[in-house]
Amino acid sequence: MTHGSVSGGLVPGDPMAACGAGQRHREEIVMTVLRHVAAPEGAAAGRGYSQVVTGRGRLVVVSGQVAQDERGELVGAEDPAAQAQQVFENLRRCLASPGPGSAMWSS
């Protein structure tokens, strides 16, 4: 069995298939480097997950957000408008965290 003979180009038992860490293109392995940001500046850290994950190019993945401030405390317990405002502020902070070139997301 060759590497290209199974769906996606990966062979069962291949370490690359098990971890999903790369893709095969023309018999070479292209590694995807992901940068995890557990807690962007001004946002609370997630419990067991990253708030933001970035990859090559313009790939930015943001976790679901809740109405928590940077200390992890609920904002606007009885005020849906205040909660929504906090969620959008958290999203702005998450999108500003990837680094160079992220200004286009945080405007």
N, C-alpha and C. Protein backbone atom coordinates (compact mmCIF):
# COMPACT_ATOMS: atom_id res chain seq x y z
N MET A 1 0.84 -1.17 0.00
CA MET A 1 0.00 0.00 0.00
C MET A 1 0.89 1.23 0.00
N THR A 2 0.60 2.19 -0.85
CA THR A 2 1.40 3.41 -0.91
C THR A 2 0.70 4.52 -0.16
N HIS A 3 1.44 5.59 0.13
CA HIS A 3 0.86 6.71 0.87
C HIS A 3 -0.34 7.31 0.14
N GLY A 4 -0.34 7.30 -1.16
CA GLY A 4 -1.42 7.92 -1.91
C GLY A 4 -2.62 7.02 -2.14
N SER A 5 -2.60 5.79 -1.60
CA SER A 5 -3.66 4.84 -1.93
C SER A 5 -4.84 4.87 -0.96
N VAL A 6 -4.79 5.69 0.07
CA VAL A 6 -5.87 5.79 1.04
C VAL A 6 -6.42 7.20 0.98
N SER A 7 -7.69 7.36 1.27
CA SER A 7 -8.34 8.67 1.24
C SER A 7 -7.50 9.71 1.98
N GLY A 8 -7.31 10.84 1.34
CA GLY A 8 -6.52 11.92 1.94
C GLY A 8 -5.04 11.72 1.79
N GLY A 9 -4.60 10.61 1.20
CA GLY A 9 -3.18 10.39 0.97
C GLY A 9 -2.44 9.85 2.17
N LEU A 10 -3.14 9.45 3.23
CA LEU A 10 -2.47 8.95 4.42
C LEU A 10 -2.84 7.48 4.64
N VAL A 11 -1.90 6.70 5.11
CA VAL A 11 -2.08 5.27 5.31
C VAL A 11 -2.41 5.01 6.78
N PRO A 12 -3.40 4.13 7.07
CA PRO A 12 -3.65 3.78 8.47
C PRO A 12 -2.37 3.32 9.15
N GLY A 13 -2.14 3.79 10.35
CA GLY A 13 -0.92 3.46 11.07
C GLY A 13 0.19 4.46 10.84
N ASP A 14 0.05 5.31 9.83
CA ASP A 14 1.03 6.36 9.55
C ASP A 14 0.95 7.38 10.68
N PRO A 15 2.08 7.73 11.32
CA PRO A 15 2.02 8.69 12.43
C PRO A 15 1.41 10.02 12.03
N MET A 16 1.54 10.41 10.78
CA MET A 16 0.94 11.66 10.33
C MET A 16 -0.58 11.54 10.30
N ALA A 17 -1.11 10.35 10.01
CA ALA A 17 -2.56 10.15 9.99
C ALA A 17 -3.12 10.22 11.40
N ALA A 18 -2.38 9.70 12.36
CA ALA A 18 -2.86 9.62 13.73
C ALA A 18 -2.98 11.00 14.37
N CYS A 19 -2.05 11.89 14.08
CA CYS A 19 -2.06 13.18 14.76
C CYS A 19 -2.62 14.30 13.90
N GLY A 20 -2.81 14.07 12.62
CA GLY A 20 -3.33 15.10 11.75
C GLY A 20 -2.40 16.30 11.64
N ALA A 21 -1.12 16.09 11.83
CA ALA A 21 -0.17 17.19 11.89
C ALA A 21 0.34 17.64 10.53
N GLY A 22 -0.02 16.98 9.50
CA GLY A 22 0.51 17.39 8.20
C GLY A 22 -0.31 16.85 7.07
N GLN A 23 0.02 17.27 5.88
CA GLN A 23 -0.64 16.80 4.68
C GLN A 23 0.44 16.38 3.70
N ARG A 24 0.13 15.40 2.88
CA ARG A 24 1.10 14.94 1.89
C ARG A 24 0.78 15.60 0.55
N HIS A 25 1.79 16.14 -0.07
CA HIS A 25 1.68 16.74 -1.40
C HIS A 25 2.85 16.23 -2.23
N ARG A 26 2.53 15.47 -3.28
CA ARG A 26 3.57 14.97 -4.18
C ARG A 26 4.72 14.31 -3.42
N GLU A 27 4.40 13.38 -2.56
CA GLU A 27 5.40 12.60 -1.81
C GLU A 27 6.25 13.41 -0.84
N GLU A 28 5.80 14.60 -0.47
CA GLU A 28 6.51 15.34 0.58
C GLU A 28 5.50 15.69 1.65
N ILE A 29 5.96 15.90 2.84
CA ILE A 29 5.08 16.22 3.95
C ILE A 29 5.15 17.72 4.20
N VAL A 30 3.99 18.35 4.24
CA VAL A 30 3.90 19.77 4.55
C VAL A 30 3.34 19.88 5.96
N MET A 31 4.13 20.36 6.87
CA MET A 31 3.70 20.48 8.27
C MET A 31 2.93 21.79 8.46
N THR A 32 1.87 21.71 9.21
CA THR A 32 1.10 22.88 9.56
C THR A 32 1.51 23.31 10.95
N VAL A 33 1.98 24.53 11.08
CA VAL A 33 2.39 25.05 12.38
C VAL A 33 1.23 25.89 12.92
N LEU A 34 0.76 25.51 14.08
CA LEU A 34 -0.33 26.23 14.72
C LEU A 34 0.18 26.95 15.96
N ARG A 35 -0.28 28.16 16.16
CA ARG A 35 0.08 28.95 17.33
C ARG A 35 -1.16 29.06 18.21
N HIS A 36 -1.08 28.57 19.43
CA HIS A 36 -2.21 28.60 20.36
C HIS A 36 -2.04 29.77 21.32
N VAL A 37 -3.11 30.54 21.52
CA VAL A 37 -3.12 31.64 22.48
C VAL A 37 -4.18 31.29 23.52
N ALA A 38 -3.73 30.91 24.70
CA ALA A 38 -4.68 30.50 25.75
C ALA A 38 -5.49 31.68 26.25
N ALA A 39 -4.84 32.83 26.43
CA ALA A 39 -5.52 34.01 26.97
C ALA A 39 -4.98 35.26 26.30
N PRO A 40 -5.68 35.76 25.28
CA PRO A 40 -5.24 37.03 24.67
C PRO A 40 -5.27 38.15 25.72
N GLU A 41 -4.47 39.16 25.50
CA GLU A 41 -4.42 40.28 26.45
C GLU A 41 -5.83 40.84 26.67
N GLY A 42 -6.22 40.91 27.94
CA GLY A 42 -7.51 41.47 28.31
C GLY A 42 -8.67 40.49 28.27
N ALA A 43 -8.41 39.22 27.95
CA ALA A 43 -9.47 38.20 27.93
C ALA A 43 -9.10 37.08 28.89
N ALA A 44 -10.12 36.47 29.46
CA ALA A 44 -9.89 35.36 30.41
C ALA A 44 -9.44 34.12 29.65
N ALA A 45 -8.62 33.32 30.28
CA ALA A 45 -8.17 32.05 29.69
C ALA A 45 -9.33 31.07 29.67
N GLY A 46 -9.37 30.26 28.61
CA GLY A 46 -10.36 29.19 28.56
C GLY A 46 -9.94 28.07 29.52
N ARG A 47 -10.87 27.25 29.88
CA ARG A 47 -10.55 26.12 30.78
C ARG A 47 -10.30 24.89 29.94
N GLY A 48 -9.03 24.63 29.65
CA GLY A 48 -8.67 23.43 28.89
C GLY A 48 -8.65 23.61 27.39
N TYR A 49 -8.72 24.83 26.91
CA TYR A 49 -8.67 25.08 25.47
C TYR A 49 -8.02 26.43 25.21
N SER A 50 -7.65 26.66 23.97
CA SER A 50 -7.07 27.94 23.55
C SER A 50 -8.18 28.86 23.08
N GLN A 51 -8.08 30.13 23.42
CA GLN A 51 -9.05 31.11 22.93
C GLN A 51 -8.85 31.38 21.44
N VAL A 52 -7.58 31.34 20.99
CA VAL A 52 -7.26 31.64 19.60
C VAL A 52 -6.21 30.64 19.11
N VAL A 53 -6.39 30.18 17.87
CA VAL A 53 -5.40 29.35 17.21
C VAL A 53 -5.16 29.96 15.84
N THR A 54 -3.90 30.18 15.51
CA THR A 54 -3.56 30.73 14.20
C THR A 54 -2.70 29.73 13.45
N GLY A 55 -2.79 29.80 12.14
CA GLY A 55 -2.00 28.94 11.28
C GLY A 55 -1.34 29.76 10.20
N ARG A 56 -0.87 29.06 9.17
CA ARG A 56 -0.19 29.75 8.07
C ARG A 56 -1.17 30.63 7.31
N GLY A 57 -0.65 31.69 6.73
CA GLY A 57 -1.50 32.59 5.95
C GLY A 57 -2.43 33.38 6.84
N ARG A 58 -3.70 33.39 6.48
CA ARG A 58 -4.67 34.20 7.21
C ARG A 58 -5.59 33.36 8.09
N LEU A 59 -5.18 32.15 8.45
CA LEU A 59 -6.02 31.28 9.27
C LEU A 59 -6.02 31.76 10.72
N VAL A 60 -7.20 32.12 11.22
CA VAL A 60 -7.39 32.50 12.62
C VAL A 60 -8.68 31.83 13.08
N VAL A 61 -8.59 31.01 14.12
CA VAL A 61 -9.76 30.33 14.67
C VAL A 61 -9.96 30.85 16.09
N VAL A 62 -11.19 31.30 16.37
CA VAL A 62 -11.50 31.85 17.68
C VAL A 62 -12.54 30.96 18.34
N SER A 63 -12.35 30.66 19.62
CA SER A 63 -13.32 29.83 20.35
C SER A 63 -14.59 30.64 20.59
N GLY A 64 -15.64 29.94 20.96
CA GLY A 64 -16.88 30.63 21.34
C GLY A 64 -16.60 31.52 22.55
N GLN A 65 -17.26 32.65 22.61
CA GLN A 65 -17.00 33.60 23.69
C GLN A 65 -18.22 33.75 24.58
N VAL A 66 -17.95 34.05 25.83
CA VAL A 66 -19.01 34.30 26.81
C VAL A 66 -18.75 35.66 27.45
N ALA A 67 -19.71 36.14 28.22
CA ALA A 67 -19.62 37.46 28.83
C ALA A 67 -18.79 37.44 30.10
N GLN A 68 -17.49 37.15 29.95
CA GLN A 68 -16.58 37.16 31.10
C GLN A 68 -15.52 38.23 30.87
N ASP A 69 -15.14 38.90 31.96
CA ASP A 69 -14.06 39.88 31.87
C ASP A 69 -12.72 39.17 31.96
N GLU A 70 -11.64 39.94 31.99
CA GLU A 70 -10.29 39.35 31.99
C GLU A 70 -9.98 38.52 33.24
N ARG A 71 -10.77 38.68 34.29
CA ARG A 71 -10.59 37.89 35.51
C ARG A 71 -11.47 36.63 35.50
N GLY A 72 -12.28 36.46 34.44
CA GLY A 72 -13.16 35.31 34.34
C GLY A 72 -14.48 35.49 35.04
N GLU A 73 -14.81 36.73 35.42
CA GLU A 73 -16.06 37.00 36.12
C GLU A 73 -17.14 37.43 35.14
N LEU A 74 -18.38 37.00 35.40
CA LEU A 74 -19.50 37.31 34.55
C LEU A 74 -19.77 38.81 34.51
N VAL A 75 -20.00 39.33 33.32
CA VAL A 75 -20.34 40.75 33.14
C VAL A 75 -21.83 40.82 32.81
N GLY A 76 -22.56 41.70 33.50
CA GLY A 76 -23.97 41.93 33.20
C GLY A 76 -24.86 40.74 33.48
N ALA A 77 -24.84 40.23 34.70
CA ALA A 77 -25.60 39.02 35.05
C ALA A 77 -27.07 39.10 34.63
N GLU A 78 -27.70 40.23 34.76
CA GLU A 78 -29.12 40.40 34.39
C GLU A 78 -29.29 41.38 33.24
N ASP A 79 -28.23 41.60 32.47
CA ASP A 79 -28.27 42.62 31.41
C ASP A 79 -27.74 42.03 30.10
N PRO A 80 -28.64 41.51 29.26
CA PRO A 80 -28.21 40.90 27.99
C PRO A 80 -27.41 41.85 27.09
N ALA A 81 -27.72 43.14 27.11
CA ALA A 81 -26.98 44.10 26.28
C ALA A 81 -25.54 44.21 26.77
N ALA A 82 -25.33 44.26 28.08
CA ALA A 82 -23.97 44.32 28.63
C ALA A 82 -23.21 43.03 28.34
N GLN A 83 -23.91 41.89 28.39
CA GLN A 83 -23.28 40.62 28.06
C GLN A 83 -22.83 40.60 26.60
N ALA A 84 -23.71 41.05 25.71
CA ALA A 84 -23.36 41.08 24.29
C ALA A 84 -22.17 41.99 24.04
N GLN A 85 -22.17 43.14 24.69
CA GLN A 85 -21.05 44.08 24.53
C GLN A 85 -19.74 43.43 24.98
N GLN A 86 -19.76 42.69 26.09
CA GLN A 86 -18.55 42.02 26.58
C GLN A 86 -18.11 40.93 25.61
N VAL A 87 -19.05 40.16 25.07
CA VAL A 87 -18.70 39.11 24.11
C VAL A 87 -18.00 39.72 22.90
N PHE A 88 -18.55 40.81 22.36
CA PHE A 88 -17.92 41.44 21.20
C PHE A 88 -16.57 42.05 21.54
N GLU A 89 -16.41 42.56 22.75
CA GLU A 89 -15.10 43.06 23.18
C GLU A 89 -14.10 41.91 23.28
N ASN A 90 -14.55 40.77 23.80
CA ASN A 90 -13.67 39.60 23.87
C ASN A 90 -13.27 39.14 22.47
N LEU A 91 -14.21 39.13 21.54
CA LEU A 91 -13.89 38.76 20.16
C LEU A 91 -12.87 39.72 19.57
N ARG A 92 -13.05 41.03 19.82
CA ARG A 92 -12.09 42.02 19.31
C ARG A 92 -10.69 41.74 19.86
N ARG A 93 -10.61 41.44 21.15
CA ARG A 93 -9.31 41.15 21.76
C ARG A 93 -8.69 39.87 21.20
N CYS A 94 -9.52 38.87 20.99
CA CYS A 94 -9.03 37.60 20.42
C CYS A 94 -8.50 37.82 19.01
N LEU A 95 -9.23 38.57 18.21
CA LEU A 95 -8.81 38.79 16.82
C LEU A 95 -7.60 39.72 16.74
N ALA A 96 -7.36 40.53 17.77
CA ALA A 96 -6.19 41.41 17.79
C ALA A 96 -4.94 40.65 18.24
N SER A 97 -5.10 39.46 18.81
CA SER A 97 -3.97 38.75 19.41
C SER A 97 -3.04 38.02 18.45
N PRO A 98 -3.46 37.65 17.22
CA PRO A 98 -2.55 36.85 16.39
C PRO A 98 -1.21 37.50 16.07
N GLY A 99 -1.10 38.81 16.15
CA GLY A 99 0.20 39.44 15.90
C GLY A 99 0.21 40.26 14.64
N PRO A 100 1.39 40.35 13.98
CA PRO A 100 1.51 41.18 12.79
C PRO A 100 0.42 40.85 11.77
N GLY A 101 -0.18 41.89 11.23
CA GLY A 101 -1.22 41.69 10.23
C GLY A 101 -2.61 41.54 10.80
N SER A 102 -2.71 41.47 12.14
CA SER A 102 -4.02 41.26 12.73
C SER A 102 -4.82 42.55 12.83
N ALA A 103 -4.20 43.68 12.50
CA ALA A 103 -4.92 44.96 12.56
C ALA A 103 -6.16 44.93 11.69
N MET A 104 -6.12 44.19 10.59
CA MET A 104 -7.28 44.13 9.71
C MET A 104 -8.48 43.49 10.40
N TRP A 105 -8.26 42.66 11.42
CA TRP A 105 -9.35 41.99 12.11
C TRP A 105 -9.86 42.82 13.27
N SER A 106 -9.05 43.69 13.84
CA SER A 106 -9.41 44.36 15.07
C SER A 106 -9.95 45.76 14.87
N SER A 107 -10.11 46.19 13.64
CA SER A 107 -10.63 47.55 13.38
C SER A 107 -12.08 47.66 13.71
